[in-house]
Amino acid sequence: AWVAHPVNAIALILFIFLSVYHMVIGMQVIVEDYIEKAGTKIGLLILNTFIGLALAATGGFAVLYIAFGG
């Protein structure tokens, strides 16, 4: 019921997006600092970005699904 309120749903979606963005930036710093091979570094950075997008999309979809009574 709490998520069904529009203001709460928007706040929760923003929280999810910002949390995932924070995670992506943190993992990017770790990969850049500790991975030496260029190919591995690029691959991990791309994977990091796609995993972040997938998590944000899944979280946003889940909140919207709950908010619209799915």
PDB file of N, CA and C in Angstrom:
ATOM      1  N   ALA A   1       0.832  -1.192   0.000  1.00  0.00           N
ATOM      2  CA  ALA A   1       0.000   0.000   0.000  1.00  0.00           C
ATOM      3  C   ALA A   1       0.876   1.256   0.000  1.00  0.00           C
ATOM      4  N   TRP A   2       2.001   1.187   0.698  1.00  0.00           N
ATOM      5  CA  TRP A   2       2.878   2.357   0.778  1.00  0.00           C
ATOM      6  C   TRP A   2       3.447   2.706  -0.587  1.00  0.00           C
ATOM      7  N   VAL A   3       3.825   1.699  -1.363  1.00  0.00           N
ATOM      8  CA  VAL A   3       4.433   1.936  -2.676  1.00  0.00           C
ATOM      9  C   VAL A   3       3.382   2.398  -3.683  1.00  0.00           C
ATOM     10  N   ALA A   4       2.124   2.091  -3.444  1.00  0.00           N
ATOM     11  CA  ALA A   4       1.071   2.476  -4.381  1.00  0.00           C
ATOM     12  C   ALA A   4       0.847   3.989  -4.405  1.00  0.00           C
ATOM     13  N   HIS A   5       1.261   4.697  -3.375  1.00  0.00           N
ATOM     14  CA  HIS A   5       1.135   6.155  -3.368  1.00  0.00           C
ATOM     15  C   HIS A   5       2.156   6.724  -4.350  1.00  0.00           C
ATOM     16  N   PRO A   6       1.749   7.611  -5.280  1.00  0.00           N
ATOM     17  CA  PRO A   6       2.640   8.083  -6.351  1.00  0.00           C
ATOM     18  C   PRO A   6       3.929   8.752  -5.860  1.00  0.00           C
ATOM     19  N   VAL A   7       3.842   9.558  -4.817  1.00  0.00           N
ATOM     20  CA  VAL A   7       5.039  10.240  -4.316  1.00  0.00           C
ATOM     21  C   VAL A   7       6.034   9.222  -3.757  1.00  0.00           C
ATOM     22  N   ASN A   8       5.525   8.239  -3.045  1.00  0.00           N
ATOM     23  CA  ASN A   8       6.404   7.212  -2.486  1.00  0.00           C
ATOM     24  C   ASN A   8       7.026   6.355  -3.588  1.00  0.00           C
ATOM     25  N   ALA A   9       6.255   6.039  -4.615  1.00  0.00           N
ATOM     26  CA  ALA A   9       6.781   5.238  -5.721  1.00  0.00           C
ATOM     27  C   ALA A   9       7.891   5.987  -6.448  1.00  0.00           C
ATOM     28  N   ILE A  10       7.691   7.268  -6.695  1.00  0.00           N
ATOM     29  CA  ILE A  10       8.722   8.067  -7.371  1.00  0.00           C
ATOM     30  C   ILE A  10       9.971   8.157  -6.500  1.00  0.00           C
ATOM     31  N   ALA A  11       9.790   8.380  -5.201  1.00  0.00           N
ATOM     32  CA  ALA A  11      10.939   8.456  -4.300  1.00  0.00           C
ATOM     33  C   ALA A  11      11.695   7.128  -4.257  1.00  0.00           C
ATOM     34  N   LEU A  12      10.974   6.016  -4.249  1.00  0.00           N
ATOM     35  CA  LEU A  12      11.613   4.710  -4.219  1.00  0.00           C
ATOM     36  C   LEU A  12      12.363   4.421  -5.518  1.00  0.00           C
ATOM     37  N   ILE A  13      11.791   4.802  -6.642  1.00  0.00           N
ATOM     38  CA  ILE A  13      12.472   4.619  -7.933  1.00  0.00           C
ATOM     39  C   ILE A  13      13.745   5.462  -7.977  1.00  0.00           C
ATOM     40  N   LEU A  14      13.671   6.701  -7.531  1.00  0.00           N
ATOM     41  CA  LEU A  14      14.870   7.546  -7.489  1.00  0.00           C
ATOM     42  C   LEU A  14      15.930   6.964  -6.566  1.00  0.00           C
ATOM     43  N   PHE A  15      15.502   6.438  -5.425  1.00  0.00           N
ATOM     44  CA  PHE A  15      16.431   5.819  -4.491  1.00  0.00           C
ATOM     45  C   PHE A  15      17.122   4.605  -5.127  1.00  0.00           C
ATOM     46  N   ILE A  16      16.360   3.796  -5.829  1.00  0.00           N
ATOM     47  CA  ILE A  16      16.935   2.626  -6.487  1.00  0.00           C
ATOM     48  C   ILE A  16      17.932   3.061  -7.555  1.00  0.00           C
ATOM     49  N   PHE A  17      17.546   4.010  -8.391  1.00  0.00           N
ATOM     50  CA  PHE A  17      18.442   4.477  -9.454  1.00  0.00           C
ATOM     51  C   PHE A  17      19.721   5.075  -8.885  1.00  0.00           C
ATOM     52  N   LEU A  18      19.605   5.892  -7.858  1.00  0.00           N
ATOM     53  CA  LEU A  18      20.793   6.506  -7.265  1.00  0.00           C
ATOM     54  C   LEU A  18      21.678   5.475  -6.569  1.00  0.00           C
ATOM     55  N   SER A  19      21.070   4.489  -5.940  1.00  0.00           N
ATOM     56  CA  SER A  19      21.854   3.428  -5.298  1.00  0.00           C
ATOM     57  C   SER A  19      22.624   2.614  -6.326  1.00  0.00           C
ATOM     58  N   VAL A  20      21.968   2.283  -7.431  1.00  0.00           N
ATOM     59  CA  VAL A  20      22.639   1.521  -8.487  1.00  0.00           C
ATOM     60  C   VAL A  20      23.743   2.375  -9.119  1.00  0.00           C
ATOM     61  N   TYR A  21      23.486   3.653  -9.324  1.00  0.00           N
ATOM     62  CA  TYR A  21      24.509   4.542  -9.880  1.00  0.00           C
ATOM     63  C   TYR A  21      25.730   4.612  -8.954  1.00  0.00           C
ATOM     64  N   HIS A  22      25.473   4.698  -7.666  1.00  0.00           N
ATOM     65  CA  HIS A  22      26.546   4.721  -6.674  1.00  0.00           C
ATOM     66  C   HIS A  22      27.355   3.417  -6.741  1.00  0.00           C
ATOM     67  N   MET A  23      26.663   2.295  -6.903  1.00  0.00           N
ATOM     68  CA  MET A  23      27.336   1.005  -7.007  1.00  0.00           C
ATOM     69  C   MET A  23      28.200   0.941  -8.261  1.00  0.00           C
ATOM     70  N   VAL A  24      27.663   1.412  -9.382  1.00  0.00           N
ATOM     71  CA  VAL A  24      28.400   1.373 -10.649  1.00  0.00           C
ATOM     72  C   VAL A  24      29.664   2.228 -10.557  1.00  0.00           C
ATOM     73  N   ILE A  25      29.550   3.408  -9.985  1.00  0.00           N
ATOM     74  CA  ILE A  25      30.719   4.278  -9.846  1.00  0.00           C
ATOM     75  C   ILE A  25      31.760   3.636  -8.929  1.00  0.00           C
ATOM     76  N   GLY A  26      31.317   3.045  -7.828  1.00  0.00           N
ATOM     77  CA  GLY A  26      32.241   2.397  -6.911  1.00  0.00           C
ATOM     78  C   GLY A  26      32.958   1.226  -7.551  1.00  0.00           C
ATOM     79  N   MET A  27      32.223   0.388  -8.278  1.00  0.00           N
ATOM     80  CA  MET A  27      32.850  -0.749  -8.955  1.00  0.00           C
ATOM     81  C   MET A  27      33.793  -0.282 -10.054  1.00  0.00           C
ATOM     82  N   GLN A  28      33.450   0.816 -10.718  1.00  0.00           N
ATOM     83  CA  GLN A  28      34.320   1.357 -11.754  1.00  0.00           C
ATOM     84  C   GLN A  28      35.666   1.764 -11.164  1.00  0.00           C
ATOM     85  N   VAL A  29      35.651   2.407 -10.023  1.00  0.00           N
ATOM     86  CA  VAL A  29      36.893   2.819  -9.372  1.00  0.00           C
ATOM     87  C   VAL A  29      37.725   1.598  -8.980  1.00  0.00           C
ATOM     88  N   ILE A  30      37.067   0.576  -8.452  1.00  0.00           N
ATOM     89  CA  ILE A  30      37.784  -0.642  -8.061  1.00  0.00           C
ATOM     90  C   ILE A  30      38.421  -1.297  -9.281  1.00  0.00           C
ATOM     91  N   VAL A  31      37.670  -1.417 -10.369  1.00  0.00           N
ATOM     92  CA  VAL A  31      38.214  -2.038 -11.580  1.00  0.00           C
ATOM     93  C   VAL A  31      39.376  -1.213 -12.131  1.00  0.00           C
ATOM     94  N   GLU A  32      39.216   0.087 -12.194  1.00  0.00           N
ATOM     95  CA  GLU A  32      40.283   0.932 -12.726  1.00  0.00           C
ATOM     96  C   GLU A  32      41.541   0.877 -11.859  1.00  0.00           C
ATOM     97  N   ASP A  33      41.391   0.729 -10.565  1.00  0.00           N
ATOM     98  CA  ASP A  33      42.545   0.725  -9.665  1.00  0.00           C
ATOM     99  C   ASP A  33      43.269  -0.613  -9.617  1.00  0.00           C
ATOM    100  N   TYR A  34      42.538  -1.715  -9.713  1.00  0.00           N
ATOM    101  CA  TYR A  34      43.146  -3.011  -9.421  1.00  0.00           C
ATOM    102  C   TYR A  34      43.308  -3.943 -10.621  1.00  0.00           C
ATOM    103  N   ILE A  35      42.696  -3.647 -11.756  1.00  0.00           N
ATOM    104  CA  ILE A  35      42.837  -4.502 -12.936  1.00  0.00           C
ATOM    105  C   ILE A  35      43.853  -3.848 -13.864  1.00  0.00           C
ATOM    106  N   GLU A  36      44.884  -4.610 -14.223  1.00  0.00           N
ATOM    107  CA  GLU A  36      45.978  -4.033 -15.008  1.00  0.00           C
ATOM    108  C   GLU A  36      45.841  -4.274 -16.505  1.00  0.00           C
ATOM    109  N   LYS A  37      45.337  -5.431 -16.919  1.00  0.00           N
ATOM    110  CA  LYS A  37      45.213  -5.730 -18.339  1.00  0.00           C
ATOM    111  C   LYS A  37      44.130  -4.846 -18.961  1.00  0.00           C
ATOM    112  N   ALA A  38      44.472  -4.218 -20.085  1.00  0.00           N
ATOM    113  CA  ALA A  38      43.547  -3.270 -20.719  1.00  0.00           C
ATOM    114  C   ALA A  38      42.271  -3.960 -21.201  1.00  0.00           C
ATOM    115  N   GLY A  39      42.413  -5.120 -21.829  1.00  0.00           N
ATOM    116  CA  GLY A  39      41.240  -5.815 -22.349  1.00  0.00           C
ATOM    117  C   GLY A  39      40.297  -6.261 -21.251  1.00  0.00           C
ATOM    118  N   THR A  40      40.856  -6.801 -20.197  1.00  0.00           N
ATOM    119  CA  THR A  40      40.037  -7.229 -19.060  1.00  0.00           C
ATOM    120  C   THR A  40      39.362  -6.034 -18.410  1.00  0.00           C
ATOM    121  N   LYS A  41      40.100  -4.938 -18.281  1.00  0.00           N
ATOM    122  CA  LYS A  41      39.551  -3.727 -17.658  1.00  0.00           C
ATOM    123  C   LYS A  41      38.360  -3.200 -18.459  1.00  0.00           C
ATOM    124  N   ILE A  42      38.516  -3.114 -19.781  1.00  0.00           N
ATOM    125  CA  ILE A  42      37.431  -2.614 -20.628  1.00  0.00           C
ATOM    126  C   ILE A  42      36.225  -3.536 -20.559  1.00  0.00           C
ATOM    127  N   GLY A  43      36.486  -4.852 -20.612  1.00  0.00           N
ATOM    128  CA  GLY A  43      35.386  -5.812 -20.531  1.00  0.00           C
ATOM    129  C   GLY A  43      34.622  -5.712 -19.226  1.00  0.00           C
ATOM    130  N   LEU A  44      35.333  -5.586 -18.126  1.00  0.00           N
ATOM    131  CA  LEU A  44      34.680  -5.476 -16.826  1.00  0.00           C
ATOM    132  C   LEU A  44      33.916  -4.155 -16.680  1.00  0.00           C
ATOM    133  N   LEU A  45      34.457  -3.090 -17.240  1.00  0.00           N
ATOM    134  CA  LEU A  45      33.743  -1.804 -17.173  1.00  0.00           C
ATOM    135  C   LEU A  45      32.451  -1.843 -17.982  1.00  0.00           C
ATOM    136  N   ILE A  46      32.498  -2.488 -19.141  1.00  0.00           N
ATOM    137  CA  ILE A  46      31.285  -2.632 -19.945  1.00  0.00           C
ATOM    138  C   ILE A  46      30.271  -3.513 -19.213  1.00  0.00           C
ATOM    139  N   LEU A  47      30.748  -4.635 -18.660  1.00  0.00           N
ATOM    140  CA  LEU A  47      29.868  -5.527 -17.904  1.00  0.00           C
ATOM    141  C   LEU A  47      29.264  -4.800 -16.701  1.00  0.00           C
ATOM    142  N   ASN A  48      30.054  -4.013 -16.025  1.00  0.00           N
ATOM    143  CA  ASN A  48      29.587  -3.229 -14.885  1.00  0.00           C
ATOM    144  C   ASN A  48      28.455  -2.298 -15.300  1.00  0.00           C
ATOM    145  N   THR A  49      28.618  -1.642 -16.430  1.00  0.00           N
ATOM    146  CA  THR A  49      27.592  -0.722 -16.911  1.00  0.00           C
ATOM    147  C   THR A  49      26.294  -1.457 -17.237  1.00  0.00           C
ATOM    148  N   PHE A  50      26.411  -2.585 -17.944  1.00  0.00           N
ATOM    149  CA  PHE A  50      25.208  -3.324 -18.321  1.00  0.00           C
ATOM    150  C   PHE A  50      24.505  -3.941 -17.113  1.00  0.00           C
ATOM    151  N   ILE A  51      25.266  -4.421 -16.146  1.00  0.00           N
ATOM    152  CA  ILE A  51      24.645  -4.954 -14.933  1.00  0.00           C
ATOM    153  C   ILE A  51      23.933  -3.838 -14.169  1.00  0.00           C
ATOM    154  N   GLY A  52      24.546  -2.668 -14.112  1.00  0.00           N
ATOM    155  CA  GLY A  52      23.898  -1.530 -13.465  1.00  0.00           C
ATOM    156  C   GLY A  52      22.602  -1.138 -14.152  1.00  0.00           C
ATOM    157  N   LEU A  53      22.616  -1.111 -15.479  1.00  0.00           N
ATOM    158  CA  LEU A  53      21.391  -0.795 -16.226  1.00  0.00           C
ATOM    159  C   LEU A  53      20.309  -1.849 -15.985  1.00  0.00           C
ATOM    160  N   ALA A  54      20.715  -3.112 -15.974  1.00  0.00           N
ATOM    161  CA  ALA A  54      19.748  -4.189 -15.742  1.00  0.00           C
ATOM    162  C   ALA A  54      19.142  -4.107 -14.343  1.00  0.00           C
ATOM    163  N   LEU A  55      19.975  -3.842 -13.342  1.00  0.00           N
ATOM    164  CA  LEU A  55      19.470  -3.722 -11.975  1.00  0.00           C
ATOM    165  C   LEU A  55      18.529  -2.531 -11.824  1.00  0.00           C
ATOM    166  N   ALA A  56      18.897  -1.402 -12.405  1.00  0.00           N
ATOM    167  CA  ALA A  56      18.053  -0.208 -12.309  1.00  0.00           C
ATOM    168  C   ALA A  56      16.718  -0.431 -13.020  1.00  0.00           C
ATOM    169  N   ALA A  57      16.764  -1.045 -14.196  1.00  0.00           N
ATOM    170  CA  ALA A  57      15.530  -1.302 -14.938  1.00  0.00           C
ATOM    171  C   ALA A  57      14.640  -2.294 -14.190  1.00  0.00           C
ATOM    172  N   THR A  58      15.239  -3.336 -13.646  1.00  0.00           N
ATOM    173  CA  THR A  58      14.463  -4.333 -12.903  1.00  0.00           C
ATOM    174  C   THR A  58      13.846  -3.724 -11.648  1.00  0.00           C
ATOM    175  N   GLY A  59      14.621  -2.943 -10.923  1.00  0.00           N
ATOM    176  CA  GLY A  59      14.093  -2.296  -9.723  1.00  0.00           C
ATOM    177  C   GLY A  59      12.982  -1.309 -10.040  1.00  0.00           C
ATOM    178  N   GLY A  60      13.186  -0.504 -11.087  1.00  0.00           N
ATOM    179  CA  GLY A  60      12.158   0.442 -11.490  1.00  0.00           C
ATOM    180  C   GLY A  60      10.889  -0.257 -11.935  1.00  0.00           C
ATOM    181  N   PHE A  61      11.049  -1.331 -12.715  1.00  0.00           N
ATOM    182  CA  PHE A  61       9.885  -2.100 -13.164  1.00  0.00           C
ATOM    183  C   PHE A  61       9.146  -2.714 -11.980  1.00  0.00           C
ATOM    184  N   ALA A  62       9.881  -3.245 -11.016  1.00  0.00           N
ATOM    185  CA  ALA A  62       9.260  -3.869  -9.846  1.00  0.00           C
ATOM    186  C   ALA A  62       8.432  -2.849  -9.056  1.00  0.00           C
ATOM    187  N   VAL A  63       8.966  -1.653  -8.878  1.00  0.00           N
ATOM    188  CA  VAL A  63       8.228  -0.628  -8.145  1.00  0.00           C
ATOM    189  C   VAL A  63       6.972  -0.217  -8.919  1.00  0.00           C
ATOM    190  N   LEU A  64       7.113  -0.021 -10.229  1.00  0.00           N
ATOM    191  CA  LEU A  64       5.939   0.345 -11.030  1.00  0.00           C
ATOM    192  C   LEU A  64       4.884  -0.765 -11.041  1.00  0.00           C
ATOM    193  N   TYR A  65       5.349  -2.004 -11.080  1.00  0.00           N
ATOM    194  CA  TYR A  65       4.425  -3.146 -11.052  1.00  0.00           C
ATOM    195  C   TYR A  65       3.626  -3.163  -9.756  1.00  0.00           C
ATOM    196  N   ILE A  66       4.293  -2.922  -8.652  1.00  0.00           N
ATOM    197  CA  ILE A  66       3.614  -2.881  -7.364  1.00  0.00           C
ATOM    198  C   ILE A  66       2.714  -1.654  -7.270  1.00  0.00           C
ATOM    199  N   ALA A  67       3.202  -0.513  -7.750  1.00  0.00           N
ATOM    200  CA  ALA A  67       2.448   0.740  -7.642  1.00  0.00           C
ATOM    201  C   ALA A  67       1.146   0.696  -8.441  1.00  0.00           C
ATOM    202  N   PHE A  68       1.160   0.010  -9.586  1.00  0.00           N
ATOM    203  CA  PHE A  68      -0.045  -0.057 -10.404  1.00  0.00           C
ATOM    204  C   PHE A  68      -0.887  -1.301 -10.130  1.00  0.00           C
ATOM    205  N   GLY A  69      -0.582  -1.978  -9.043  1.00  0.00           N
ATOM    206  CA  GLY A  69      -1.432  -3.073  -8.584  1.00  0.00           C
ATOM    207  C   GLY A  69      -1.298  -4.347  -9.377  1.00  0.00           C
ATOM    208  N   GLY A  70      -0.100  -4.644  -9.892  1.00  0.00           N
ATOM    209  CA  GLY A  70       0.093  -5.837 -10.719  1.00  0.00           C
ATOM    210  C   GLY A  70       0.196  -7.081 -10.002  1.00  0.00           C
TER     211      GLY A  70
END
